[in-house]
Amino acid sequence: MATRSTVRMAERRLARLPDGERGVASVVLPVRRQRRGGLALGAVLVALVSGLGFAVWARSMGDRYPVVAAAHTVQAGDVIQAGDLRVVQVAVDRGVSTVPAAQERQLVGKVAAMPLFAGALVTRDEVSRQAPLGPTDAIVGVLVQPGQAPLAELQVGTTLEVVQTVGQSDVSGAQPQVLADDARIYAVSTPPGGDTAAADVAGAVLVSLKVPESESAAIVSAADADQIRLVVVAGPPG
């Protein structure tokens, strides 16, 4: 509205001028200045939002915790060694069942219940005290005395040969035979007091072997006759 009034006033002044001066005269119209206040306010808001976003990102980067991850791929059933694990700094939700770095040593000597892939975070659900049992496997308990097996090597996951020996009174000329060539230790424990007393030997251990079900009966029979030896053919994987 202010611009229209200004134009009308200019036209009236032009009409009052002599005819010779009308061509020289010119109407000067006001130039609307661009208001920069809105742009400045928008720039301030953008800066504030950007700063807030950066602060949130920086905080999330700072809330990192040391947890245990797999240093390389560990197959299911393998005994976890110290070299299989490493510590990484990650930001994870509290609902994720990670293992804190301070508890890394507690995983060493346990068994991977499922494959642990290189770089993946290790959870307690993926680790077991026992080797996994397949649908055609059987668990056989053998009371092992010193001299019947290298006791220091009896760890969960160790692969063994189960050998049936020949009794000293056997005069038939029979030879020892391998009852299982790929038995794997499922668990190792100290036998109850009664079993230790029956063995009458200090240091005996009860070894649970995972073997094919078809081989279990022969192993049980040889163990009952105290004609069994365990031979380590491969140490714990790692």
C-alpha atoms as a PDB file:
ATOM      1  CA  MET A   1       0.000   0.000   0.000  1.00  0.00           C
ATOM      2  CA  ALA A   2       2.851   2.408   0.833  1.00  0.00           C
ATOM      3  CA  THR A   3       4.365   1.838  -2.601  1.00  0.00           C
ATOM      4  CA  ARG A   4       1.120   2.666  -4.461  1.00  0.00           C
ATOM      5  CA  SER A   5       0.729   5.968  -2.555  1.00  0.00           C
ATOM      6  CA  THR A   6       4.278   6.900  -3.376  1.00  0.00           C
ATOM      7  CA  VAL A   7       3.703   6.233  -7.088  1.00  0.00           C
ATOM      8  CA  ARG A   8       0.533   8.375  -7.127  1.00  0.00           C
ATOM      9  CA  MET A   9       2.317  11.261  -5.435  1.00  0.00           C
ATOM     10  CA  ALA A  10       5.106  11.071  -7.993  1.00  0.00           C
ATOM     11  CA  GLU A  11       2.610  11.092 -10.875  1.00  0.00           C
ATOM     12  CA  ARG A  12       0.931  14.214  -9.477  1.00  0.00           C
ATOM     13  CA  ARG A  13       4.265  16.027  -9.178  1.00  0.00           C
ATOM     14  CA  LEU A  14       5.094  15.059 -12.754  1.00  0.00           C
ATOM     15  CA  ALA A  15       1.781  16.470 -13.993  1.00  0.00           C
ATOM     16  CA  ARG A  16       2.556  19.832 -12.416  1.00  0.00           C
ATOM     17  CA  LEU A  17       5.842  20.221 -14.265  1.00  0.00           C
ATOM     18  CA  PRO A  18       6.062  22.234 -17.499  1.00  0.00           C
ATOM     19  CA  ASP A  19       5.846  20.212 -20.690  1.00  0.00           C
ATOM     20  CA  GLY A  20       9.543  20.645 -21.428  1.00  0.00           C
ATOM     21  CA  GLU A  21      10.616  19.195 -18.144  1.00  0.00           C
ATOM     22  CA  ARG A  22       8.362  16.152 -18.093  1.00  0.00           C
ATOM     23  CA  GLY A  23      10.647  14.137 -20.345  1.00  0.00           C
ATOM     24  CA  VAL A  24      13.631  14.831 -18.138  1.00  0.00           C
ATOM     25  CA  ALA A  25      11.914  14.065 -14.914  1.00  0.00           C
ATOM     26  CA  SER A  26      11.885  10.526 -13.712  1.00  0.00           C
ATOM     27  CA  VAL A  27      10.000   8.772 -11.041  1.00  0.00           C
ATOM     28  CA  VAL A  28      12.213   7.279  -8.398  1.00  0.00           C
ATOM     29  CA  LEU A  29      10.532   4.345  -6.775  1.00  0.00           C
ATOM     30  CA  PRO A  30      11.672   3.008  -3.419  1.00  0.00           C
ATOM     31  CA  VAL A  31      13.581  -0.243  -3.458  1.00  0.00           C
ATOM     32  CA  ARG A  32      12.331  -2.796  -0.958  1.00  0.00           C
ATOM     33  CA  ARG A  33      15.207  -3.904   1.138  1.00  0.00           C
ATOM     34  CA  GLN A  34      15.529  -7.619   1.741  1.00  0.00           C
ATOM     35  CA  ARG A  35      15.126  -8.436   5.314  1.00  0.00           C
ATOM     36  CA  ARG A  36      18.012 -10.486   6.544  1.00  0.00           C
ATOM     37  CA  GLY A  37      16.674 -11.144  10.041  1.00  0.00           C
ATOM     38  CA  GLY A  38      14.832 -14.336   9.070  1.00  0.00           C
ATOM     39  CA  LEU A  39      17.874 -15.774   7.331  1.00  0.00           C
ATOM     40  CA  ALA A  40      20.076 -15.018  10.300  1.00  0.00           C
ATOM     41  CA  LEU A  41      17.627 -16.727  12.656  1.00  0.00           C
ATOM     42  CA  GLY A  42      17.514 -19.792  10.397  1.00  0.00           C
ATOM     43  CA  ALA A  43      21.304 -19.985  10.367  1.00  0.00           C
ATOM     44  CA  VAL A  44      21.384 -19.854  14.149  1.00  0.00           C
ATOM     45  CA  LEU A  45      18.837 -22.688  14.409  1.00  0.00           C
ATOM     46  CA  VAL A  46      20.796 -24.847  11.963  1.00  0.00           C
ATOM     47  CA  ALA A  47      23.957 -24.273  13.978  1.00  0.00           C
ATOM     48  CA  LEU A  48      22.207 -25.232  17.216  1.00  0.00           C
ATOM     49  CA  VAL A  49      20.764 -28.428  15.749  1.00  0.00           C
ATOM     50  CA  SER A  50      24.116 -29.398  14.265  1.00  0.00           C
ATOM     51  CA  GLY A  51      25.855 -28.773  17.570  1.00  0.00           C
ATOM     52  CA  LEU A  52      23.310 -30.858  19.439  1.00  0.00           C
ATOM     53  CA  GLY A  53      23.678 -33.716  16.972  1.00  0.00           C
ATOM     54  CA  PHE A  54      27.447 -33.646  17.307  1.00  0.00           C
ATOM     55  CA  ALA A  55      27.187 -33.690  21.091  1.00  0.00           C
ATOM     56  CA  VAL A  56      24.940 -36.759  20.997  1.00  0.00           C
ATOM     57  CA  TRP A  57      27.281 -38.509  18.568  1.00  0.00           C
ATOM     58  CA  ALA A  58      30.341 -37.675  20.668  1.00  0.00           C
ATOM     59  CA  ARG A  59      28.646 -38.983  23.786  1.00  0.00           C
ATOM     60  CA  SER A  60      27.692 -42.230  22.084  1.00  0.00           C
ATOM     61  CA  MET A  61      31.268 -42.635  20.898  1.00  0.00           C
ATOM     62  CA  GLY A  62      32.459 -42.087  24.426  1.00  0.00           C
ATOM     63  CA  ASP A  63      30.144 -44.720  26.016  1.00  0.00           C
ATOM     64  CA  ARG A  64      32.245 -47.642  24.857  1.00  0.00           C
ATOM     65  CA  TYR A  65      33.083 -50.653  26.977  1.00  0.00           C
ATOM     66  CA  PRO A  66      35.797 -53.338  26.718  1.00  0.00           C
ATOM     67  CA  VAL A  67      34.203 -56.699  25.872  1.00  0.00           C
ATOM     68  CA  VAL A  68      35.413 -60.054  24.561  1.00  0.00           C
ATOM     69  CA  ALA A  69      35.348 -60.901  20.841  1.00  0.00           C
ATOM     70  CA  ALA A  70      36.646 -63.808  18.780  1.00  0.00           C
ATOM     71  CA  ALA A  71      40.162 -63.180  17.465  1.00  0.00           C
ATOM     72  CA  HIS A  72      39.528 -65.699  14.683  1.00  0.00           C
ATOM     73  CA  THR A  73      36.883 -68.272  13.819  1.00  0.00           C
ATOM     74  CA  VAL A  74      36.460 -71.038  16.409  1.00  0.00           C
ATOM     75  CA  GLN A  75      34.455 -74.077  15.372  1.00  0.00           C
ATOM     76  CA  ALA A  76      31.686 -75.545  17.499  1.00  0.00           C
ATOM     77  CA  GLY A  77      33.090 -78.141  19.884  1.00  0.00           C
ATOM     78  CA  ASP A  78      36.560 -76.606  19.977  1.00  0.00           C
ATOM     79  CA  VAL A  79      38.116 -75.783  23.319  1.00  0.00           C
ATOM     80  CA  ILE A  80      38.635 -72.033  23.629  1.00  0.00           C
ATOM     81  CA  GLN A  81      42.252 -70.978  24.052  1.00  0.00           C
ATOM     82  CA  ALA A  82      43.583 -67.599  25.193  1.00  0.00           C
ATOM     83  CA  GLY A  83      44.705 -66.817  21.635  1.00  0.00           C
ATOM     84  CA  ASP A  84      41.156 -67.314  20.353  1.00  0.00           C
ATOM     85  CA  LEU A  85      39.927 -64.198  22.154  1.00  0.00           C
ATOM     86  CA  ARG A  86      40.625 -60.484  22.061  1.00  0.00           C
ATOM     87  CA  VAL A  87      39.251 -57.366  23.710  1.00  0.00           C
ATOM     88  CA  VAL A  88      37.399 -54.708  21.708  1.00  0.00           C
ATOM     89  CA  GLN A  89      35.843 -51.379  22.647  1.00  0.00           C
ATOM     90  CA  VAL A  90      32.198 -51.195  21.596  1.00  0.00           C
ATOM     91  CA  ALA A  91      28.996 -49.351  22.436  1.00  0.00           C
ATOM     92  CA  VAL A  92      26.283 -51.955  22.970  1.00  0.00           C
ATOM     93  CA  ASP A  93      22.787 -52.013  24.413  1.00  0.00           C
ATOM     94  CA  ARG A  94      22.436 -53.325  27.924  1.00  0.00           C
ATOM     95  CA  GLY A  95      20.227 -56.126  26.656  1.00  0.00           C
ATOM     96  CA  VAL A  96      23.115 -57.679  24.696  1.00  0.00           C
ATOM     97  CA  SER A  97      24.720 -60.522  26.666  1.00  0.00           C
ATOM     98  CA  THR A  98      28.365 -59.620  26.167  1.00  0.00           C
ATOM     99  CA  VAL A  99      31.307 -60.811  28.251  1.00  0.00           C
ATOM    100  CA  PRO A 100      33.271 -58.012  29.962  1.00  0.00           C
ATOM    101  CA  ALA A 101      36.998 -57.950  29.289  1.00  0.00           C
ATOM    102  CA  ALA A 102      37.682 -58.580  32.975  1.00  0.00           C
ATOM    103  CA  GLN A 103      36.051 -62.031  32.611  1.00  0.00           C
ATOM    104  CA  GLU A 104      38.000 -63.089  29.520  1.00  0.00           C
ATOM    105  CA  ARG A 105      40.027 -65.696  31.422  1.00  0.00           C
ATOM    106  CA  GLN A 106      36.849 -67.417  32.561  1.00  0.00           C
ATOM    107  CA  LEU A 107      36.175 -68.451  28.949  1.00  0.00           C
ATOM    108  CA  VAL A 108      39.542 -70.122  28.424  1.00  0.00           C
ATOM    109  CA  GLY A 109      39.233 -73.916  28.626  1.00  0.00           C
ATOM    110  CA  LYS A 110      35.520 -73.923  27.901  1.00  0.00           C
ATOM    111  CA  VAL A 111      33.923 -75.203  24.707  1.00  0.00           C
ATOM    112  CA  ALA A 112      32.364 -73.252  21.869  1.00  0.00           C
ATOM    113  CA  ALA A 113      28.751 -74.413  21.789  1.00  0.00           C
ATOM    114  CA  MET A 114      28.405 -72.857  18.327  1.00  0.00           C
ATOM    115  CA  PRO A 115      30.825 -71.326  15.806  1.00  0.00           C
ATOM    116  CA  LEU A 116      32.484 -68.109  17.005  1.00  0.00           C
ATOM    117  CA  PHE A 117      33.221 -66.042  13.921  1.00  0.00           C
ATOM    118  CA  ALA A 118      36.247 -63.768  13.709  1.00  0.00           C
ATOM    119  CA  GLY A 119      35.482 -60.304  15.048  1.00  0.00           C
ATOM    120  CA  ALA A 120      32.079 -61.257  16.478  1.00  0.00           C
ATOM    121  CA  LEU A 121      31.279 -60.478  20.098  1.00  0.00           C
ATOM    122  CA  VAL A 122      31.283 -63.530  22.356  1.00  0.00           C
ATOM    123  CA  THR A 123      28.211 -64.168  24.513  1.00  0.00           C
ATOM    124  CA  ARG A 124      27.813 -66.635  27.354  1.00  0.00           C
ATOM    125  CA  ASP A 125      25.169 -68.536  25.413  1.00  0.00           C
ATOM    126  CA  GLU A 126      27.837 -69.439  22.849  1.00  0.00           C
ATOM    127  CA  VAL A 127      30.136 -71.015  25.442  1.00  0.00           C
ATOM    128  CA  SER A 128      29.633 -74.251  27.334  1.00  0.00           C
ATOM    129  CA  ARG A 129      31.524 -76.353  29.851  1.00  0.00           C
ATOM    130  CA  GLN A 130      30.822 -79.401  27.711  1.00  0.00           C
ATOM    131  CA  ALA A 131      31.275 -80.374  24.093  1.00  0.00           C
ATOM    132  CA  PRO A 132      28.046 -80.408  22.073  1.00  0.00           C
ATOM    133  CA  LEU A 133      26.292 -83.763  21.715  1.00  0.00           C
ATOM    134  CA  GLY A 134      25.026 -84.904  18.317  1.00  0.00           C
ATOM    135  CA  PRO A 135      21.956 -87.075  17.653  1.00  0.00           C
ATOM    136  CA  THR A 136      24.027 -90.238  17.023  1.00  0.00           C
ATOM    137  CA  ASP A 137      26.524 -89.679  19.845  1.00  0.00           C
ATOM    138  CA  ALA A 138      26.741 -91.408  23.199  1.00  0.00           C
ATOM    139  CA  ILE A 139      28.442 -90.420  26.437  1.00  0.00           C
ATOM    140  CA  VAL A 140      30.531 -93.097  28.149  1.00  0.00           C
ATOM    141  CA  GLY A 141      32.066 -92.662  31.586  1.00  0.00           C
ATOM    142  CA  VAL A 142      35.553 -94.075  32.163  1.00  0.00           C
ATOM    143  CA  LEU A 143      37.403 -94.028  35.486  1.00  0.00           C
ATOM    144  CA  VAL A 144      40.984 -93.267  34.517  1.00  0.00           C
ATOM    145  CA  GLN A 145      43.872 -93.979  36.837  1.00  0.00           C
ATOM    146  CA  PRO A 146      47.430 -92.657  36.501  1.00  0.00           C
ATOM    147  CA  GLY A 147      49.164 -94.710  33.851  1.00  0.00           C
ATOM    148  CA  GLN A 148      45.991 -95.351  31.885  1.00  0.00           C
ATOM    149  CA  ALA A 149      46.082 -91.953  30.203  1.00  0.00           C
ATOM    150  CA  PRO A 150      48.188 -88.764  30.178  1.00  0.00           C
ATOM    151  CA  LEU A 151      46.144 -87.031  32.878  1.00  0.00           C
ATOM    152  CA  ALA A 152      47.625 -83.607  32.238  1.00  0.00           C
ATOM    153  CA  GLU A 153      46.249 -83.690  28.679  1.00  0.00           C
ATOM    154  CA  LEU A 154      42.714 -84.679  29.601  1.00  0.00           C
ATOM    155  CA  GLN A 155      40.790 -81.527  28.778  1.00  0.00           C
ATOM    156  CA  VAL A 156      37.337 -81.002  27.347  1.00  0.00           C
ATOM    157  CA  GLY A 157      37.505 -81.290  23.571  1.00  0.00           C
ATOM    158  CA  THR A 158      40.702 -83.385  23.437  1.00  0.00           C
ATOM    159  CA  THR A 159      40.549 -86.138  20.816  1.00  0.00           C
ATOM    160  CA  LEU A 160      41.483 -89.641  21.968  1.00  0.00           C
ATOM    161  CA  GLU A 161      41.880 -93.217  20.856  1.00  0.00           C
ATOM    162  CA  VAL A 162      40.214 -95.694  23.171  1.00  0.00           C
ATOM    163  CA  VAL A 163      42.300 -98.878  23.268  1.00  0.00           C
ATOM    164  CA  GLN A 164      41.285-102.186  24.819  1.00  0.00           C
ATOM    165  CA  THR A 165      44.246-103.911  26.407  1.00  0.00           C
ATOM    166  CA  VAL A 166      44.804-107.640  26.991  1.00  0.00           C
ATOM    167  CA  GLY A 167      44.701-108.995  30.526  1.00  0.00           C
ATOM    168  CA  GLN A 168      47.918-110.336  32.023  1.00  0.00           C
ATOM    169  CA  SER A 169      46.329-113.755  32.483  1.00  0.00           C
ATOM    170  CA  ASP A 170      45.238-113.958  28.853  1.00  0.00           C
ATOM    171  CA  VAL A 171      47.202-116.685  27.069  1.00  0.00           C
ATOM    172  CA  SER A 172      45.202-116.661  23.862  1.00  0.00           C
ATOM    173  CA  GLY A 173      47.631-114.376  22.070  1.00  0.00           C
ATOM    174  CA  ALA A 174      45.028-111.668  21.566  1.00  0.00           C
ATOM    175  CA  GLN A 175      46.286-108.191  20.653  1.00  0.00           C
ATOM    176  CA  PRO A 176      45.125-104.799  21.920  1.00  0.00           C
ATOM    177  CA  GLN A 177      42.523-103.254  19.683  1.00  0.00           C
ATOM    178  CA  VAL A 178      41.265 -99.745  19.075  1.00  0.00           C
ATOM    179  CA  LEU A 179      37.649 -99.429  20.142  1.00  0.00           C
ATOM    180  CA  ALA A 180      37.303 -95.798  19.056  1.00  0.00           C
ATOM    181  CA  ASP A 181      39.740 -93.671  17.075  1.00  0.00           C
ATOM    182  CA  ASP A 182      37.930 -90.335  17.321  1.00  0.00           C
ATOM    183  CA  ALA A 183      36.573 -90.138  20.846  1.00  0.00           C
ATOM    184  CA  ARG A 184      36.328 -86.643  22.269  1.00  0.00           C
ATOM    185  CA  ILE A 185      36.381 -85.711  25.927  1.00  0.00           C
ATOM    186  CA  TYR A 186      32.956 -84.404  26.899  1.00  0.00           C
ATOM    187  CA  ALA A 187      33.712 -83.638  30.536  1.00  0.00           C
ATOM    188  CA  VAL A 188      36.363 -84.280  33.181  1.00  0.00           C
ATOM    189  CA  SER A 189      35.576 -84.462  36.880  1.00  0.00           C
ATOM    190  CA  THR A 190      36.828 -85.819  40.155  1.00  0.00           C
ATOM    191  CA  PRO A 191      35.063 -89.113  40.915  1.00  0.00           C
ATOM    192  CA  PRO A 192      32.937 -89.451  44.058  1.00  0.00           C
ATOM    193  CA  GLY A 193      34.732 -90.660  47.147  1.00  0.00           C
ATOM    194  CA  GLY A 194      33.352 -94.172  46.839  1.00  0.00           C
ATOM    195  CA  ASP A 195      34.715 -94.611  43.307  1.00  0.00           C
ATOM    196  CA  THR A 196      38.137 -93.294  44.319  1.00  0.00           C
ATOM    197  CA  ALA A 197      38.255 -95.720  47.219  1.00  0.00           C
ATOM    198  CA  ALA A 198      37.318 -98.588  44.922  1.00  0.00           C
ATOM    199  CA  ALA A 199      40.093 -97.638  42.536  1.00  0.00           C
ATOM    200  CA  ASP A 200      42.427 -97.478  45.530  1.00  0.00           C
ATOM    201  CA  VAL A 201      44.612 -95.037  43.593  1.00  0.00           C
ATOM    202  CA  ALA A 202      45.027 -91.334  44.333  1.00  0.00           C
ATOM    203  CA  GLY A 203      44.663 -88.994  41.385  1.00  0.00           C
ATOM    204  CA  ALA A 204      42.037 -90.958  39.467  1.00  0.00           C
ATOM    205  CA  VAL A 205      39.685 -88.881  37.345  1.00  0.00           C
ATOM    206  CA  LEU A 206      36.331 -89.619  35.770  1.00  0.00           C
ATOM    207  CA  VAL A 207      36.376 -88.910  32.046  1.00  0.00           C
ATOM    208  CA  SER A 208      33.178 -88.704  30.045  1.00  0.00           C
ATOM    209  CA  LEU A 209      33.802 -89.590  26.410  1.00  0.00           C
ATOM    210  CA  LYS A 210      31.666 -88.639  23.444  1.00  0.00           C
ATOM    211  CA  VAL A 211      31.724 -91.522  20.990  1.00  0.00           C
ATOM    212  CA  PRO A 212      29.492 -92.904  18.251  1.00  0.00           C
ATOM    213  CA  GLU A 213      26.651 -94.861  19.818  1.00  0.00           C
ATOM    214  CA  SER A 214      27.743 -97.986  17.925  1.00  0.00           C
ATOM    215  CA  GLU A 215      31.070 -98.010  19.822  1.00  0.00           C
ATOM    216  CA  SER A 216      29.746 -97.323  23.292  1.00  0.00           C
ATOM    217  CA  ALA A 217      28.970-100.914  24.369  1.00  0.00           C
ATOM    218  CA  ALA A 218      32.479-102.204  23.673  1.00  0.00           C
ATOM    219  CA  ILE A 219      34.024 -99.301  25.591  1.00  0.00           C
ATOM    220  CA  VAL A 220      31.788 -99.893  28.598  1.00  0.00           C
ATOM    221  CA  SER A 221      32.694-103.583  28.632  1.00  0.00           C
ATOM    222  CA  ALA A 222      36.425-102.878  28.454  1.00  0.00           C
ATOM    223  CA  ALA A 223      36.166-100.222  31.191  1.00  0.00           C
ATOM    224  CA  ASP A 224      34.352-102.656  33.509  1.00  0.00           C
ATOM    225  CA  ALA A 225      37.150-105.181  32.971  1.00  0.00           C
ATOM    226  CA  ASP A 226      39.773-102.490  33.641  1.00  0.00           C
ATOM    227  CA  GLN A 227      41.193-103.166  30.189  1.00  0.00           C
ATOM    228  CA  ILE A 228      41.079 -99.708  28.729  1.00  0.00           C
ATOM    229  CA  ARG A 229      43.663 -97.069  27.888  1.00  0.00           C
ATOM    230  CA  LEU A 230      43.199 -93.582  26.496  1.00  0.00           C
ATOM    231  CA  VAL A 231      45.671 -92.304  23.927  1.00  0.00           C
ATOM    232  CA  VAL A 232      45.814 -88.617  23.066  1.00  0.00           C
ATOM    233  CA  VAL A 233      45.980 -88.225  19.286  1.00  0.00           C
ATOM    234  CA  ALA A 234      45.233 -84.522  19.112  1.00  0.00           C
ATOM    235  CA  GLY A 235      45.367 -81.866  21.779  1.00  0.00           C
ATOM    236  CA  PRO A 236      42.651 -79.278  22.366  1.00  0.00           C
ATOM    237  CA  PRO A 237      41.991 -77.361  19.154  1.00  0.00           C
ATOM    238  CA  GLY A 238      43.553 -73.924  18.904  1.00  0.00           C
END
